[in-house]
Protein backbone atom coordinates (compact mmCIF):
# COMPACT_ATOMS: atom_id res chain seq x y z
CA UNK A 1 0.09 0.29 -0.45
CA UNK A 2 1.40 3.80 -0.97
CA UNK A 3 0.60 6.48 1.42
CA UNK A 4 1.80 9.81 0.96
CA UNK A 5 2.15 12.24 4.32
CA UNK A 6 1.13 15.75 3.56
CA UNK A 7 1.11 19.26 4.89
CA UNK A 8 0.65 22.20 3.25
CA UNK A 9 1.09 25.63 4.41
CA UNK A 10 -0.87 28.54 3.32
CA UNK A 11 -1.27 32.66 2.93
CA UNK A 12 -4.13 32.79 5.28
CA UNK A 13 -7.12 30.34 6.53
CA UNK A 14 -10.07 30.56 4.03
CA UNK A 15 -9.57 29.26 -0.17
CA UNK A 16 -13.22 31.59 -0.46
CA UNK A 17 -11.64 34.82 0.83
CA UNK A 18 -8.41 34.08 -1.58
CA UNK A 19 -6.52 32.36 0.41
CA UNK A 20 -3.27 30.29 -1.82
CA UNK A 21 -1.56 27.86 -0.76
CA UNK A 22 2.29 28.47 -0.02
CA UNK A 23 4.01 25.51 0.57
CA UNK A 24 3.39 21.84 -0.11
CA UNK A 25 5.31 18.68 2.09
CA UNK A 26 4.45 14.89 1.55
CA UNK A 27 6.22 12.09 2.60
CA UNK A 28 5.69 7.99 0.86
CA UNK A 29 5.20 5.36 2.78
CA UNK A 30 4.96 2.09 1.19
CA UNK A 31 4.18 -0.34 3.05
CA UNK A 32 3.82 1.34 6.07
CA UNK A 33 7.63 1.94 5.22
CA UNK A 34 9.24 5.57 5.17
CA UNK A 35 10.81 5.30 1.44
CA UNK A 36 12.79 8.65 1.07
CA UNK A 37 10.83 9.85 -2.24
CA UNK A 38 9.29 12.63 -0.94
CA UNK A 39 7.51 15.90 -2.42
CA UNK A 40 8.43 19.06 -1.59
CA UNK A 41 8.10 22.62 -3.24
CA UNK A 42 7.51 26.45 -2.21
CA UNK A 43 4.99 28.48 -3.80
CA UNK A 44 4.40 32.27 -5.46
CA UNK A 45 0.76 33.25 -4.19
CA UNK A 46 0.53 36.05 -6.09
CA UNK A 47 -1.15 37.57 -3.59
CA UNK A 48 0.63 38.74 0.38
CA UNK A 49 0.16 36.16 3.32
CA UNK A 50 -1.12 37.85 6.52
CA UNK A 51 0.54 38.85 9.65
CA UNK A 52 -1.02 36.01 11.54
CA UNK A 53 0.34 32.78 9.42
CA UNK A 54 3.49 34.39 9.13
CA UNK A 55 3.82 34.21 12.92
CA UNK A 56 2.05 30.81 12.70
CA UNK A 57 4.88 29.73 9.55
CA UNK A 58 7.45 32.04 9.18
CA UNK A 59 7.28 32.51 5.74
CA UNK A 60 7.46 35.93 3.95
CA UNK A 61 6.13 36.99 1.16
CA UNK A 62 9.63 38.08 -0.20
CA UNK A 63 11.02 34.83 0.28
CA UNK A 64 8.58 33.04 -2.10
CA UNK A 65 8.93 36.50 -4.79
CA UNK A 66 11.48 34.14 -7.29
CA UNK A 67 9.48 30.79 -6.43
CA UNK A 68 7.20 28.66 -8.81
CA UNK A 69 3.54 29.28 -8.81
CA UNK A 70 1.01 26.35 -8.08
CA UNK A 71 0.34 25.76 -12.25
CA UNK A 72 3.67 25.68 -12.61
CA UNK A 73 3.95 21.75 -10.17
CA UNK A 74 0.26 21.07 -10.53
CA UNK A 75 1.06 17.81 -13.15
CA UNK A 76 4.27 17.00 -11.49
CA UNK A 77 2.68 16.66 -8.33
CA UNK A 78 -1.05 15.04 -9.16
CA UNK A 79 1.55 12.31 -10.61
CA UNK A 80 2.97 11.91 -7.58
CA UNK A 81 0.28 11.54 -5.47
CA UNK A 82 -1.99 9.92 -7.87
CA UNK A 83 -3.57 7.03 -6.66
CA UNK A 84 -2.08 7.27 -3.17
CA UNK A 85 -4.10 7.20 0.44
CA UNK A 86 -3.12 10.88 1.54
CA UNK A 87 -2.24 10.87 4.73
CA UNK A 88 -3.38 14.00 7.04
CA UNK A 89 -3.83 15.54 10.12
CA UNK A 90 -7.81 17.98 9.24
CA UNK A 91 -7.73 16.67 6.41
CA UNK A 92 -11.02 19.17 5.09
CA UNK A 93 -8.24 21.92 5.60
CA UNK A 94 -5.56 20.45 3.09
CA UNK A 95 -7.77 18.82 0.94
CA UNK A 96 -9.78 22.59 0.59
CA UNK A 97 -6.55 24.59 -0.13
CA UNK A 98 -5.78 21.99 -2.19
CA UNK A 99 -9.93 21.74 -4.41
CA UNK A 100 -8.95 25.60 -3.95
CA UNK A 101 -5.76 25.74 -6.52
CA UNK A 102 -7.41 22.91 -9.09
CA UNK A 103 -10.89 24.47 -9.66
CA UNK A 104 -8.28 27.52 -10.71
CA UNK A 105 -6.47 25.17 -13.68
CA UNK A 106 -8.57 23.14 -16.63
CA UNK A 107 -9.18 19.70 -16.77
CA UNK A 108 -7.93 18.78 -13.26
CA UNK A 109 -10.71 17.73 -11.24
CA UNK A 110 -10.24 17.60 -6.77
CA UNK A 111 -8.38 15.83 -4.79
CA UNK A 112 -10.20 13.21 -4.48
CA UNK A 113 -10.03 12.05 -8.53
CA UNK A 114 -6.66 11.42 -7.83
CA UNK A 115 -6.67 9.36 -4.42
CA UNK A 116 -8.08 8.79 -1.93
CA UNK A 117 -7.99 10.55 1.95
CA UNK A 118 -7.41 9.50 5.84
CA UNK A 119 -8.02 11.81 8.14
CA UNK A 120 -5.53 11.39 11.10
CA UNK A 121 -7.46 14.12 14.17
CA UNK A 122 -9.81 11.71 13.11
CA UNK A 123 -8.31 9.08 13.55
CA UNK A 124 -6.88 10.37 17.22
CA UNK A 125 -10.58 12.17 18.31
CA UNK A 126 -12.02 7.87 18.02
CA UNK A 127 -8.85 6.91 20.24
CA UNK A 128 -8.73 9.16 22.24
CA UNK A 129 -11.94 10.86 23.53
CA UNK A 130 -12.28 14.41 24.87
CA UNK A 131 -8.57 15.00 24.99
CA UNK A 132 -5.82 17.18 22.87
CA UNK A 133 -5.28 15.16 19.42
CA UNK A 134 -3.01 19.00 17.65
CA UNK A 135 -0.37 17.18 16.26
CA UNK A 136 2.20 18.44 19.51
CA UNK A 137 -0.18 16.24 21.30
CA UNK A 138 0.32 13.54 19.64
CA UNK A 139 3.90 13.41 19.12
CA UNK A 140 3.72 14.06 23.72
CA UNK A 141 1.78 11.03 24.02
CA UNK A 142 3.39 8.87 21.40
CA UNK A 143 6.78 9.68 22.01
CA UNK A 144 7.66 11.58 19.09
CA UNK A 145 10.73 14.34 18.88
CA UNK A 146 8.90 18.02 17.22
CA UNK A 147 11.61 19.76 19.48
CA UNK A 148 12.24 21.35 15.58
CA UNK A 149 8.95 22.48 15.34
CA UNK A 150 9.79 26.61 16.52
CA UNK A 151 7.49 27.56 13.18
CA UNK A 152 4.52 25.37 11.46
CA UNK A 153 6.46 23.81 8.50
CA UNK A 154 4.14 21.75 5.25
CA UNK A 155 7.98 19.36 4.73
CA UNK A 156 8.35 19.06 8.84
CA UNK A 157 5.00 18.83 9.27
CA UNK A 158 3.99 15.55 7.69
CA UNK A 159 7.64 14.06 8.51
CA UNK A 160 6.28 14.60 11.68
CA UNK A 161 3.29 12.85 11.59
CA UNK A 162 3.91 10.45 9.39
CA UNK A 163 6.29 8.84 13.32
CA UNK A 164 2.61 10.20 14.15
CA UNK A 165 0.37 7.44 12.43
CA UNK A 166 2.85 4.91 12.65
CA UNK A 167 3.35 5.12 15.95
CA UNK A 168 -0.69 5.59 16.59
CA UNK A 169 -1.07 3.00 14.24
CA UNK A 170 0.93 0.36 15.60
CA UNK A 171 4.24 1.05 14.59
CA UNK A 172 7.09 0.59 11.17
CA UNK A 173 6.26 -3.42 9.89
CA UNK A 174 8.64 -5.53 10.61
CA UNK A 175 6.53 -8.85 10.53
CA UNK A 176 8.03 -10.87 7.36
CA UNK A 177 5.26 -12.85 5.48
CA UNK A 178 7.19 -13.65 2.66
CA UNK A 179 7.30 -17.50 1.93
CA UNK A 180 10.81 -18.94 2.70
CA UNK A 181 10.89 -22.73 1.93
CA UNK A 182 14.79 -22.82 2.19
CA UNK A 183 17.09 -24.30 4.94
CA UNK A 184 15.97 -22.85 8.56
CA UNK A 185 13.15 -19.85 6.07
CA UNK A 186 9.35 -21.70 8.30
CA UNK A 187 9.02 -23.09 11.18
CA UNK A 188 8.34 -27.05 11.39
CA UNK A 189 4.86 -27.31 10.13
CA UNK A 190 4.54 -24.15 9.26
CA UNK A 191 5.89 -22.94 6.15
CA UNK A 192 5.90 -19.69 5.23
CA UNK A 193 5.29 -18.57 8.58
CA UNK A 194 8.59 -17.20 10.51
CA UNK A 195 9.58 -16.10 14.29
CA UNK A 196 10.83 -12.67 15.04
CA UNK A 197 14.06 -12.69 17.70
CA UNK A 198 11.83 -10.56 21.31
CA UNK A 199 14.91 -10.26 22.86
CA UNK A 200 15.29 -6.94 24.06
CA UNK A 201 12.02 -5.84 22.65
CA UNK A 202 10.36 -3.16 25.84
CA UNK A 203 6.37 -2.20 25.80
CA UNK A 204 6.65 1.68 25.14
CA UNK A 205 3.70 2.63 28.30
CA UNK A 206 2.46 6.43 27.51
CA UNK A 207 1.57 8.38 30.26
CA UNK A 208 -1.92 10.42 30.99
CA UNK A 209 0.06 14.46 30.92
CA UNK A 210 -1.55 16.75 33.24
CA UNK A 211 -3.66 18.29 31.10
CA UNK A 212 -5.71 14.99 29.93
CA UNK A 213 -5.75 14.24 33.81
CA UNK A 214 -7.98 16.49 34.17
CA UNK A 215 -10.32 16.21 31.68
CA UNK A 216 -10.79 12.98 32.90
CA UNK A 217 -11.47 13.96 35.82
CA UNK A 218 -14.30 16.64 34.57
CA UNK A 219 -15.63 13.64 32.50
CA UNK A 220 -15.66 11.30 36.03
CA UNK A 221 -17.50 14.61 37.28
CA UNK A 222 -19.74 15.11 34.40
CA UNK A 223 -20.62 11.22 34.45
CA UNK A 224 -21.08 11.08 38.47
CA UNK A 225 -23.98 13.72 38.01
CA UNK A 226 -25.76 12.70 34.88
CA UNK A 227 -26.02 9.15 37.12
CA UNK A 228 -26.82 10.32 39.47
CA UNK A 229 -23.48 8.47 41.75
CA UNK A 230 -20.10 7.32 41.80
CA UNK A 231 -19.14 6.81 38.30
CA UNK A 232 -18.88 3.33 37.79
CA UNK A 233 -14.19 3.72 36.48
CA UNK A 234 -14.27 5.51 40.68
CA UNK A 235 -15.28 1.94 42.06
CA UNK A 236 -12.51 0.43 40.55
């Protein structure tokens, strides 16, 4: 399975108000393994960047003055994305901007005409209801290093999200199911099944942080009030 972890930076928050993409960062995963086949561009938006947006990502109008426009890279981008599953944190935001850019061109359709989309924010909210599920919060929860993230950047955030996604969904694939009928390649009576050496493997324990403990207590109090008594959790 081929997946592309994607992030964008923009001139503002609303494509409907004419805001544009100024950076696209993509990281490729094939069968849950990072390949190094990444895609990264800065783009000239032909409009001013909101001051609030510059505070977030640090990209200036002057820096983008000599960069390509979206129309110049659209074909290459879609060739790279074609047939993959996009992994995006808060997908409606990035897909909305991509679709707005594609709508300015003829014959490209929408993002979903070229690839599927998986929203890791939706996934995280189902997995961790009632908790903070920003990218930074997930980095803390899954022990992913985000120390370089003093400013948002599309490629850096895509790289970090790839690590978070792999951790959140069970880690990078290591089990080989390739059939090996050679000497010593399989357990007796189980051709094609290989035993992994588990020596040295350690279970990762992720503890709740202070904010999560407060949110948990608030949820228990709400359950107490709704049930007219003590939540079952408190009796366990």
